[in-house]
Amino acid sequence: MVNGGTSDQESYVVGVQHARIFAVWAAMRSADTFPFPWPSGHEPVRDQRFMDIVLAARYLIQIRTHWLTAPGSPDVDLTQRTLANLSSQRPAWLETVQTLLDQTMFAAYGWPQDLTDEQILERLLTLNLVRAAARTE
């Protein structure tokens, strides 16, 4: 384990859960199982696409934590530094990291970057059906 005790697998899950693809699914199909890029337990941990998600997630966590705690800034009111405020402010650095994470997720699925939310949902539903059918065979 690296990064303060966070395993690659944990970082991968955090990365997936912070990506646009997951947000689309959660908003529309949250009662259904979310199909990760690879089935659980079959993640290609040596694959660059897997590691790209891990690294993007760790970077997101690192810079978000830095913003939340504002180390070295004694005059900063930490009560105003919340995840809710960060989400509503959407600073440029957060957008940049979010875009990086989203790009890594699209690459992991092998999908084009310019899918609409509806196309993402359709592809996720199809993937779920394919995997469910494979489990019953």
Protein backbone atom coordinates (compact mmCIF):
# COMPACT_ATOMS: atom_id res chain seq x y z
CA MET A 1 0.00 0.00 0.00
CA VAL A 2 1.06 3.53 -0.72
CA ASN A 3 -0.35 7.00 -0.32
CA GLY A 4 -0.94 6.99 3.42
CA GLY A 5 -2.22 3.41 3.52
CA THR A 6 -4.60 3.62 0.59
CA SER A 7 -4.34 0.58 -1.66
CA ASP A 8 -4.53 0.74 -5.42
CA GLN A 9 -7.88 -1.05 -5.23
CA GLU A 10 -9.29 1.53 -2.81
CA SER A 11 -8.06 4.39 -4.97
CA TYR A 12 -9.54 2.73 -8.04
CA VAL A 13 -12.97 2.51 -6.37
CA VAL A 14 -12.78 6.14 -5.24
CA GLY A 15 -11.81 7.17 -8.76
CA VAL A 16 -14.71 5.30 -10.31
CA GLN A 17 -17.15 6.78 -7.81
CA HIS A 18 -16.00 10.33 -8.53
CA ALA A 19 -16.22 10.10 -12.31
CA ARG A 20 -18.99 11.50 -14.51
CA ILE A 21 -19.90 8.01 -15.70
CA PHE A 22 -20.74 6.98 -12.13
CA ALA A 23 -22.62 10.24 -11.47
CA VAL A 24 -24.84 9.64 -14.50
CA TRP A 25 -25.59 6.12 -13.29
CA ALA A 26 -26.25 7.22 -9.71
CA ALA A 27 -28.66 9.93 -10.82
CA MET A 28 -30.66 7.63 -13.09
CA ARG A 29 -30.18 4.01 -11.97
CA SER A 30 -28.88 4.12 -8.41
CA ALA A 31 -31.04 1.16 -7.38
CA ASP A 32 -29.18 -1.07 -9.86
CA THR A 33 -25.68 -2.45 -9.59
CA PHE A 34 -23.12 -0.16 -11.18
CA PRO A 35 -20.94 -1.97 -13.73
CA PHE A 36 -17.35 -0.99 -12.98
CA PRO A 37 -15.00 -0.98 -15.98
CA TRP A 38 -13.94 -4.50 -15.00
CA PRO A 39 -15.91 -7.03 -12.95
CA SER A 40 -15.01 -7.01 -9.27
CA GLY A 41 -12.01 -9.19 -8.58
CA HIS A 42 -10.95 -9.12 -12.24
CA GLU A 43 -9.38 -5.68 -12.39
CA PRO A 44 -6.20 -5.67 -14.48
CA VAL A 45 -4.04 -4.14 -11.75
CA ARG A 46 -1.00 -3.96 -14.04
CA ASP A 47 -2.97 -2.36 -16.87
CA GLN A 48 -2.16 1.31 -17.51
CA ARG A 49 -5.87 2.17 -17.67
CA PHE A 50 -6.38 0.81 -14.15
CA MET A 51 -3.35 2.72 -12.85
CA ASP A 52 -4.51 5.91 -14.59
CA ILE A 53 -7.75 5.77 -12.58
CA VAL A 54 -5.78 5.08 -9.39
CA LEU A 55 -3.43 8.01 -9.98
CA ALA A 56 -6.21 10.43 -10.97
CA ALA A 57 -8.18 9.49 -7.86
CA ARG A 58 -5.17 9.98 -5.60
CA TYR A 59 -4.48 13.34 -7.18
CA LEU A 60 -8.09 14.40 -6.70
CA ILE A 61 -8.01 13.36 -3.04
CA GLN A 62 -4.66 15.09 -2.48
CA ILE A 63 -5.59 18.48 -3.90
CA ARG A 64 -9.09 18.38 -2.44
CA THR A 65 -7.63 17.65 1.01
CA HIS A 66 -5.14 20.48 0.55
CA TRP A 67 -7.99 22.87 -0.27
CA LEU A 68 -10.11 21.66 2.65
CA THR A 69 -7.34 21.98 5.23
CA ALA A 70 -5.54 25.04 3.80
CA PRO A 71 -2.17 24.17 5.40
CA GLY A 72 0.03 27.17 6.06
CA SER A 73 -2.85 29.65 5.82
CA PRO A 74 -3.67 30.73 9.39
CA ASP A 75 -6.12 33.40 8.25
CA VAL A 76 -8.33 30.97 6.31
CA ASP A 77 -11.70 30.18 7.86
CA LEU A 78 -11.78 26.39 7.65
CA THR A 79 -15.51 26.31 8.44
CA GLN A 80 -16.08 27.64 4.91
CA ARG A 81 -13.92 24.94 3.36
CA THR A 82 -16.42 22.12 2.96
CA LEU A 83 -17.04 19.61 0.20
CA ALA A 84 -20.44 21.23 -0.41
CA ASN A 85 -18.83 24.65 -0.90
CA LEU A 86 -16.13 23.16 -3.09
CA SER A 87 -18.75 21.48 -5.28
CA SER A 88 -20.75 24.67 -5.64
CA GLN A 89 -17.68 26.82 -6.38
CA ARG A 90 -16.20 24.38 -8.94
CA PRO A 91 -12.76 26.07 -9.15
CA ALA A 92 -10.78 25.61 -12.35
CA TRP A 93 -8.31 23.22 -10.71
CA LEU A 94 -11.18 20.94 -9.69
CA GLU A 95 -12.61 20.99 -13.22
CA THR A 96 -9.18 20.07 -14.59
CA VAL A 97 -8.80 17.10 -12.27
CA GLN A 98 -12.39 16.02 -12.90
CA THR A 99 -11.76 16.08 -16.64
CA LEU A 100 -8.63 13.97 -16.18
CA LEU A 101 -10.53 11.43 -14.09
CA ASP A 102 -13.38 11.31 -16.59
CA GLN A 103 -10.95 10.74 -19.46
CA THR A 104 -9.35 7.84 -17.61
CA MET A 105 -12.76 6.27 -17.04
CA PHE A 106 -13.85 6.58 -20.67
CA ALA A 107 -10.53 4.98 -21.68
CA ALA A 108 -11.04 2.13 -19.20
CA TYR A 109 -14.41 1.32 -20.75
CA GLY A 110 -13.01 1.81 -24.26
CA TRP A 111 -15.62 4.48 -24.99
CA PRO A 112 -15.33 7.79 -26.84
CA GLN A 113 -14.98 10.88 -24.64
CA ASP A 114 -17.93 12.75 -26.14
CA LEU A 115 -20.84 10.53 -25.09
CA THR A 116 -24.00 12.18 -23.84
CA ASP A 117 -25.44 11.22 -20.47
CA GLU A 118 -28.08 9.16 -22.26
CA GLN A 119 -25.45 7.29 -24.27
CA ILE A 120 -23.44 6.62 -21.10
CA LEU A 121 -26.51 5.23 -19.37
CA GLU A 122 -27.39 3.07 -22.38
CA ARG A 123 -23.88 1.60 -22.51
CA LEU A 124 -23.85 0.93 -18.76
CA LEU A 125 -27.23 -0.80 -18.94
CA THR A 126 -26.01 -2.95 -21.84
CA LEU A 127 -22.83 -3.84 -19.94
CA ASN A 128 -24.90 -4.84 -16.91
CA LEU A 129 -27.10 -7.08 -19.07
CA VAL A 130 -24.11 -8.72 -20.75
CA ARG A 131 -22.44 -9.43 -17.43
CA ALA A 132 -25.66 -10.75 -15.89
CA ALA A 133 -26.14 -13.09 -18.85
CA ALA A 134 -22.54 -14.31 -18.53
CA ARG A 135 -23.08 -15.14 -14.84
CA THR A 136 -26.10 -17.31 -15.63
CA GLU A 137 -24.39 -19.32 -18.36
